[in-house]
Amino acid sequence: MRLLEAKLQMLAAYETMVGKGTWVLWPDGNQYLVIKPEDFRALIEPSERVDEAEEREEQGRRARMPPFFEPKR
């Protein structure tokens, strides 16, 4: 459940940045969202929470796995 909560917080942070940023059209024909450095920093914390939640979930999954035994030769 923590992973889902962390991902929802990350989504909210992205939605906030879309509202704060400015879309620009570059000469290559692509559009880019430009945000201020301090706004970018606001994305780092939610991103780190997602990484930590994924790591905890993976550790829990591995702890529940049966031990692996190699056959003797």
PDB file of N, CA and C in Angstrom:
ATOM      1  N   MET A   1       0.824  -1.190   0.000  1.00  0.00           N
ATOM      2  CA  MET A   1       0.000   0.000   0.000  1.00  0.00           C
ATOM      3  C   MET A   1       0.871   1.259   0.000  1.00  0.00           C
ATOM      4  N   ARG A   2       2.016   1.179   0.633  1.00  0.00           N
ATOM      5  CA  ARG A   2       2.887   2.354   0.675  1.00  0.00           C
ATOM      6  C   ARG A   2       3.377   2.750  -0.711  1.00  0.00           C
ATOM      7  N   LEU A   3       3.614   1.750  -1.564  1.00  0.00           N
ATOM      8  CA  LEU A   3       4.082   2.043  -2.919  1.00  0.00           C
ATOM      9  C   LEU A   3       3.001   2.794  -3.683  1.00  0.00           C
ATOM     10  N   LEU A   4       1.775   2.367  -3.565  1.00  0.00           N
ATOM     11  CA  LEU A   4       0.676   3.045  -4.244  1.00  0.00           C
ATOM     12  C   LEU A   4       0.543   4.484  -3.747  1.00  0.00           C
ATOM     13  N   GLU A   5       0.630   4.675  -2.444  1.00  0.00           N
ATOM     14  CA  GLU A   5       0.545   6.030  -1.883  1.00  0.00           C
ATOM     15  C   GLU A   5       1.680   6.905  -2.388  1.00  0.00           C
ATOM     16  N   ALA A   6       2.884   6.352  -2.448  1.00  0.00           N
ATOM     17  CA  ALA A   6       4.043   7.113  -2.933  1.00  0.00           C
ATOM     18  C   ALA A   6       3.869   7.486  -4.406  1.00  0.00           C
ATOM     19  N   LYS A   7       3.338   6.564  -5.200  1.00  0.00           N
ATOM     20  CA  LYS A   7       3.134   6.858  -6.616  1.00  0.00           C
ATOM     21  C   LYS A   7       2.045   7.905  -6.806  1.00  0.00           C
ATOM     22  N   LEU A   8       1.006   7.877  -5.983  1.00  0.00           N
ATOM     23  CA  LEU A   8      -0.034   8.899  -6.067  1.00  0.00           C
ATOM     24  C   LEU A   8       0.516  10.271  -5.691  1.00  0.00           C
ATOM     25  N   GLN A   9       1.407  10.320  -4.695  1.00  0.00           N
ATOM     26  CA  GLN A   9       2.044  11.586  -4.328  1.00  0.00           C
ATOM     27  C   GLN A   9       2.935  12.084  -5.465  1.00  0.00           C
ATOM     28  N   MET A  10       3.598  11.169  -6.154  1.00  0.00           N
ATOM     29  CA  MET A  10       4.444  11.552  -7.286  1.00  0.00           C
ATOM     30  C   MET A  10       3.577  12.102  -8.416  1.00  0.00           C
ATOM     31  N   LEU A  11       2.441  11.471  -8.670  1.00  0.00           N
ATOM     32  CA  LEU A  11       1.521  11.961  -9.693  1.00  0.00           C
ATOM     33  C   LEU A  11       1.029  13.366  -9.363  1.00  0.00           C
ATOM     34  N   ALA A  12       0.702  13.592  -8.096  1.00  0.00           N
ATOM     35  CA  ALA A  12       0.257  14.925  -7.679  1.00  0.00           C
ATOM     36  C   ALA A  12       1.362  15.958  -7.884  1.00  0.00           C
ATOM     37  N   ALA A  13       2.602  15.570  -7.599  1.00  0.00           N
ATOM     38  CA  ALA A  13       3.729  16.491  -7.794  1.00  0.00           C
ATOM     39  C   ALA A  13       3.900  16.819  -9.277  1.00  0.00           C
ATOM     40  N   TYR A  14       3.771  15.815 -10.151  1.00  0.00           N
ATOM     41  CA  TYR A  14       3.865  16.068 -11.590  1.00  0.00           C
ATOM     42  C   TYR A  14       2.746  16.983 -12.066  1.00  0.00           C
ATOM     43  N   GLU A  15       1.534  16.738 -11.582  1.00  0.00           N
ATOM     44  CA  GLU A  15       0.410  17.587 -11.981  1.00  0.00           C
ATOM     45  C   GLU A  15       0.644  19.036 -11.555  1.00  0.00           C
ATOM     46  N   THR A  16       1.220  19.223 -10.376  1.00  0.00           N
ATOM     47  CA  THR A  16       1.545  20.569  -9.904  1.00  0.00           C
ATOM     48  C   THR A  16       2.570  21.225 -10.822  1.00  0.00           C
ATOM     49  N   MET A  17       3.579  20.464 -11.242  1.00  0.00           N
ATOM     50  CA  MET A  17       4.613  21.020 -12.113  1.00  0.00           C
ATOM     51  C   MET A  17       4.054  21.393 -13.479  1.00  0.00           C
ATOM     52  N   VAL A  18       3.114  20.615 -13.987  1.00  0.00           N
ATOM     53  CA  VAL A  18       2.506  20.943 -15.278  1.00  0.00           C
ATOM     54  C   VAL A  18       1.785  22.285 -15.174  1.00  0.00           C
ATOM     55  N   GLY A  19       1.168  22.528 -14.015  1.00  0.00           N
ATOM     56  CA  GLY A  19       0.492  23.807 -13.809  1.00  0.00           C
ATOM     57  C   GLY A  19       1.455  24.975 -13.653  1.00  0.00           C
ATOM     58  N   LYS A  20       2.637  24.713 -13.101  1.00  0.00           N
ATOM     59  CA  LYS A  20       3.615  25.785 -12.868  1.00  0.00           C
ATOM     60  C   LYS A  20       4.503  26.049 -14.081  1.00  0.00           C
ATOM     61  N   GLY A  21       4.709  25.015 -14.902  1.00  0.00           N
ATOM     62  CA  GLY A  21       5.641  25.135 -16.019  1.00  0.00           C
ATOM     63  C   GLY A  21       5.051  25.837 -17.221  1.00  0.00           C
ATOM     64  N   THR A  22       5.905  26.014 -18.212  1.00  0.00           N
ATOM     65  CA  THR A  22       5.520  26.647 -19.470  1.00  0.00           C
ATOM     66  C   THR A  22       5.897  25.714 -20.608  1.00  0.00           C
ATOM     67  N   TRP A  23       4.961  25.486 -21.511  1.00  0.00           N
ATOM     68  CA  TRP A  23       5.247  24.659 -22.678  1.00  0.00           C
ATOM     69  C   TRP A  23       5.885  25.536 -23.745  1.00  0.00           C
ATOM     70  N   VAL A  24       6.984  25.061 -24.298  1.00  0.00           N
ATOM     71  CA  VAL A  24       7.672  25.797 -25.355  1.00  0.00           C
ATOM     72  C   VAL A  24       7.865  24.885 -26.559  1.00  0.00           C
ATOM     73  N   LEU A  25       7.868  25.474 -27.726  1.00  0.00           N
ATOM     74  CA  LEU A  25       8.104  24.748 -28.970  1.00  0.00           C
ATOM     75  C   LEU A  25       9.532  25.040 -29.422  1.00  0.00           C
ATOM     76  N   TRP A  26      10.337  23.994 -29.539  1.00  0.00           N
ATOM     77  CA  TRP A  26      11.732  24.150 -29.934  1.00  0.00           C
ATOM     78  C   TRP A  26      11.860  24.029 -31.447  1.00  0.00           C
ATOM     79  N   PRO A  27      12.973  24.492 -31.987  1.00  0.00           N
ATOM     80  CA  PRO A  27      13.177  24.421 -33.447  1.00  0.00           C
ATOM     81  C   PRO A  27      13.094  22.998 -34.013  1.00  0.00           C
ATOM     82  N   ASP A  28      13.327  21.993 -33.171  1.00  0.00           N
ATOM     83  CA  ASP A  28      13.253  20.612 -33.672  1.00  0.00           C
ATOM     84  C   ASP A  28      11.808  20.135 -33.827  1.00  0.00           C
ATOM     85  N   GLY A  29      10.844  20.999 -33.485  1.00  0.00           N
ATOM     86  CA  GLY A  29       9.434  20.663 -33.642  1.00  0.00           C
ATOM     87  C   GLY A  29       8.805  20.002 -32.425  1.00  0.00           C
ATOM     88  N   ASN A  30       9.595  19.706 -31.420  1.00  0.00           N
ATOM     89  CA  ASN A  30       9.075  19.073 -30.208  1.00  0.00           C
ATOM     90  C   ASN A  30       8.677  20.123 -29.182  1.00  0.00           C
ATOM     91  N   GLN A  31       7.706  19.759 -28.347  1.00  0.00           N
ATOM     92  CA  GLN A  31       7.304  20.624 -27.241  1.00  0.00           C
ATOM     93  C   GLN A  31       7.971  20.132 -25.973  1.00  0.00           C
ATOM     94  N   TYR A  32       8.378  21.072 -25.134  1.00  0.00           N
ATOM     95  CA  TYR A  32       9.015  20.736 -23.869  1.00  0.00           C
ATOM     96  C   TYR A  32       8.376  21.551 -22.756  1.00  0.00           C
ATOM     97  N   LEU A  33       8.279  20.933 -21.596  1.00  0.00           N
ATOM     98  CA  LEU A  33       7.788  21.633 -20.414  1.00  0.00           C
ATOM     99  C   LEU A  33       8.990  22.201 -19.676  1.00  0.00           C
ATOM    100  N   VAL A  34       9.019  23.505 -19.494  1.00  0.00           N
ATOM    101  CA  VAL A  34      10.129  24.164 -18.823  1.00  0.00           C
ATOM    102  C   VAL A  34       9.659  24.583 -17.431  1.00  0.00           C
ATOM    103  N   ILE A  35      10.427  24.143 -16.424  1.00  0.00           N
ATOM    104  CA  ILE A  35      10.116  24.513 -15.040  1.00  0.00           C
ATOM    105  C   ILE A  35      11.355  25.128 -14.401  1.00  0.00           C
ATOM    106  N   LYS A  36      11.133  25.837 -13.313  1.00  0.00           N
ATOM    107  CA  LYS A  36      12.242  26.469 -12.590  1.00  0.00           C
ATOM    108  C   LYS A  36      13.001  25.409 -11.785  1.00  0.00           C
ATOM    109  N   PRO A  37      14.289  25.637 -11.531  1.00  0.00           N
ATOM    110  CA  PRO A  37      15.076  24.675 -10.747  1.00  0.00           C
ATOM    111  C   PRO A  37      14.460  24.377  -9.380  1.00  0.00           C
ATOM    112  N   GLU A  38      13.922  25.394  -8.714  1.00  0.00           N
ATOM    113  CA  GLU A  38      13.339  25.141  -7.390  1.00  0.00           C
ATOM    114  C   GLU A  38      12.077  24.280  -7.497  1.00  0.00           C
ATOM    115  N   ASP A  39      11.364  24.398  -8.621  1.00  0.00           N
ATOM    116  CA  ASP A  39      10.206  23.532  -8.834  1.00  0.00           C
ATOM    117  C   ASP A  39      10.650  22.102  -9.106  1.00  0.00           C
ATOM    118  N   PHE A  40      11.757  21.953  -9.817  1.00  0.00           N
ATOM    119  CA  PHE A  40      12.283  20.615 -10.084  1.00  0.00           C
ATOM    120  C   PHE A  40      12.656  19.923  -8.782  1.00  0.00           C
ATOM    121  N   ARG A  41      13.233  20.658  -7.857  1.00  0.00           N
ATOM    122  CA  ARG A  41      13.610  20.083  -6.563  1.00  0.00           C
ATOM    123  C   ARG A  41      12.397  19.523  -5.825  1.00  0.00           C
ATOM    124  N   ALA A  42      11.222  20.114  -6.080  1.00  0.00           N
ATOM    125  CA  ALA A  42      10.000  19.627  -5.436  1.00  0.00           C
ATOM    126  C   ALA A  42       9.599  18.247  -5.949  1.00  0.00           C
ATOM    127  N   LEU A  43      10.150  17.835  -7.088  1.00  0.00           N
ATOM    128  CA  LEU A  43       9.878  16.502  -7.617  1.00  0.00           C
ATOM    129  C   LEU A  43      10.806  15.442  -7.039  1.00  0.00           C
ATOM    130  N   ILE A  44      11.940  15.863  -6.519  1.00  0.00           N
ATOM    131  CA  ILE A  44      12.938  14.912  -6.044  1.00  0.00           C
ATOM    132  C   ILE A  44      12.432  14.114  -4.837  1.00  0.00           C
ATOM    133  N   GLU A  45      11.844  14.796  -3.859  1.00  0.00           N
ATOM    134  CA  GLU A  45      11.383  14.100  -2.646  1.00  0.00           C
ATOM    135  C   GLU A  45      10.323  13.040  -2.949  1.00  0.00           C
ATOM    136  N   PRO A  46       9.260  13.351  -3.711  1.00  0.00           N
ATOM    137  CA  PRO A  46       8.293  12.293  -4.027  1.00  0.00           C
ATOM    138  C   PRO A  46       8.914  11.146  -4.826  1.00  0.00           C
ATOM    139  N   SER A  47       9.856  11.471  -5.694  1.00  0.00           N
ATOM    140  CA  SER A  47      10.532  10.443  -6.474  1.00  0.00           C
ATOM    141  C   SER A  47      11.337   9.518  -5.563  1.00  0.00           C
ATOM    142  N   GLU A  48      12.022  10.089  -4.586  1.00  0.00           N
ATOM    143  CA  GLU A  48      12.792   9.277  -3.641  1.00  0.00           C
ATOM    144  C   GLU A  48      11.878   8.396  -2.804  1.00  0.00           C
ATOM    145  N   ARG A  49      10.691   8.904  -2.443  1.00  0.00           N
ATOM    146  CA  ARG A  49       9.735   8.086  -1.680  1.00  0.00           C
ATOM    147  C   ARG A  49       9.269   6.886  -2.500  1.00  0.00           C
ATOM    148  N   VAL A  50       9.067   7.080  -3.809  1.00  0.00           N
ATOM    149  CA  VAL A  50       8.683   5.961  -4.674  1.00  0.00           C
ATOM    150  C   VAL A  50       9.814   4.939  -4.723  1.00  0.00           C
ATOM    151  N   ASP A  51      11.041   5.398  -4.889  1.00  0.00           N
ATOM    152  CA  ASP A  51      12.193   4.489  -4.924  1.00  0.00           C
ATOM    153  C   ASP A  51      12.298   3.687  -3.634  1.00  0.00           C
ATOM    154  N   GLU A  52      12.139   4.350  -2.493  1.00  0.00           N
ATOM    155  CA  GLU A  52      12.229   3.667  -1.203  1.00  0.00           C
ATOM    156  C   GLU A  52      11.098   2.657  -1.032  1.00  0.00           C
ATOM    157  N   ALA A  53       9.897   3.010  -1.440  1.00  0.00           N
ATOM    158  CA  ALA A  53       8.758   2.097  -1.319  1.00  0.00           C
ATOM    159  C   ALA A  53       8.945   0.883  -2.229  1.00  0.00           C
ATOM    160  N   GLU A  54       9.477   1.095  -3.432  1.00  0.00           N
ATOM    161  CA  GLU A  54       9.745  -0.027  -4.330  1.00  0.00           C
ATOM    162  C   GLU A  54      10.797  -0.949  -3.736  1.00  0.00           C
ATOM    163  N   GLU A  55      11.811  -0.373  -3.125  1.00  0.00           N
ATOM    164  CA  GLU A  55      12.868  -1.180  -2.509  1.00  0.00           C
ATOM    165  C   GLU A  55      12.318  -2.001  -1.344  1.00  0.00           C
ATOM    166  N   ARG A  56      11.488  -1.373  -0.491  1.00  0.00           N
ATOM    167  CA  ARG A  56      10.885  -2.109   0.624  1.00  0.00           C
ATOM    168  C   ARG A  56       9.993  -3.242   0.121  1.00  0.00           C
ATOM    169  N   GLU A  57       9.243  -2.981  -0.939  1.00  0.00           N
ATOM    170  CA  GLU A  57       8.379  -4.014  -1.493  1.00  0.00           C
ATOM    171  C   GLU A  57       9.195  -5.180  -2.043  1.00  0.00           C
ATOM    172  N   GLU A  58      10.285  -4.868  -2.725  1.00  0.00           N
ATOM    173  CA  GLU A  58      11.150  -5.912  -3.272  1.00  0.00           C
ATOM    174  C   GLU A  58      11.791  -6.730  -2.147  1.00  0.00           C
ATOM    175  N   GLN A  59      12.235  -6.072  -1.089  1.00  0.00           N
ATOM    176  CA  GLN A  59      12.823  -6.796   0.041  1.00  0.00           C
ATOM    177  C   GLN A  59      11.794  -7.712   0.690  1.00  0.00           C
ATOM    178  N   GLY A  60      10.553  -7.234   0.812  1.00  0.00           N
ATOM    179  CA  GLY A  60       9.494  -8.068   1.372  1.00  0.00           C
ATOM    180  C   GLY A  60       9.181  -9.256   0.483  1.00  0.00           C
ATOM    181  N   ARG A  61       9.194  -9.025  -0.819  1.00  0.00           N
ATOM    182  CA  ARG A  61       8.937 -10.126  -1.754  1.00  0.00           C
ATOM    183  C   ARG A  61      10.034 -11.175  -1.662  1.00  0.00           C
ATOM    184  N   ARG A  62      11.270 -10.719  -1.587  1.00  0.00           N
ATOM    185  CA  ARG A  62      12.388 -11.671  -1.483  1.00  0.00           C
ATOM    186  C   ARG A  62      12.365 -12.427  -0.165  1.00  0.00           C
ATOM    187  N   ALA A  63      11.929 -11.774   0.901  1.00  0.00           N
ATOM    188  CA  ALA A  63      11.866 -12.439   2.206  1.00  0.00           C
ATOM    189  C   ALA A  63      10.818 -13.549   2.203  1.00  0.00           C
ATOM    190  N   ARG A  64       9.786 -13.403   1.375  1.00  0.00           N
ATOM    191  CA  ARG A  64       8.728 -14.417   1.314  1.00  0.00           C
ATOM    192  C   ARG A  64       9.051 -15.556   0.357  1.00  0.00           C
ATOM    193  N   MET A  65      10.100 -15.404  -0.436  1.00  0.00           N
ATOM    194  CA  MET A  65      10.469 -16.442  -1.402  1.00  0.00           C
ATOM    195  C   MET A  65      11.069 -17.637  -0.682  1.00  0.00           C
ATOM    196  N   PRO A  66      10.781 -18.826  -1.177  1.00  0.00           N
ATOM    197  CA  PRO A  66      11.419 -20.001  -0.550  1.00  0.00           C
ATOM    198  C   PRO A  66      12.919 -19.984  -0.828  1.00  0.00           C
ATOM    199  N   PRO A  67      13.683 -20.560   0.056  1.00  0.00           N
ATOM    200  CA  PRO A  67      15.142 -20.573  -0.169  1.00  0.00           C
ATOM    201  C   PRO A  67      15.478 -21.389  -1.415  1.00  0.00           C
ATOM    202  N   PHE A  68      16.545 -21.007  -2.052  1.00  0.00           N
ATOM    203  CA  PHE A  68      16.989 -21.672  -3.270  1.00  0.00           C
ATOM    204  C   PHE A  68      18.124 -22.612  -2.909  1.00  0.00           C
ATOM    205  N   PHE A  69      17.926 -23.873  -3.251  1.00  0.00           N
ATOM    206  CA  PHE A  69      18.965 -24.878  -2.991  1.00  0.00           C
ATOM    207  C   PHE A  69      19.491 -25.390  -4.308  1.00  0.00           C
ATOM    208  N   GLU A  70      20.810 -25.378  -4.427  1.00  0.00           N
ATOM    209  CA  GLU A  70      21.413 -25.935  -5.623  1.00  0.00           C
ATOM    210  C   GLU A  70      21.656 -27.421  -5.379  1.00  0.00           C
ATOM    211  N   PRO A  71      21.365 -28.249  -6.385  1.00  0.00           N
ATOM    212  CA  PRO A  71      21.623 -29.681  -6.196  1.00  0.00           C
ATOM    213  C   PRO A  71      23.133 -29.952  -6.127  1.00  0.00           C
ATOM    214  N   LYS A  72      23.504 -30.922  -5.314  1.00  0.00           N
ATOM    215  CA  LYS A  72      24.918 -31.290  -5.197  1.00  0.00           C
ATOM    216  C   LYS A  72      25.298 -32.137  -6.399  1.00  0.00           C
ATOM    217  N   ARG A  73      26.517 -31.938  -6.841  1.00  0.00           N
ATOM    218  CA  ARG A  73      26.997 -32.714  -8.005  1.00  0.00           C
ATOM    219  C   ARG A  73      27.952 -33.771  -7.566  1.00  0.00           C
TER     220      ARG A  73
END
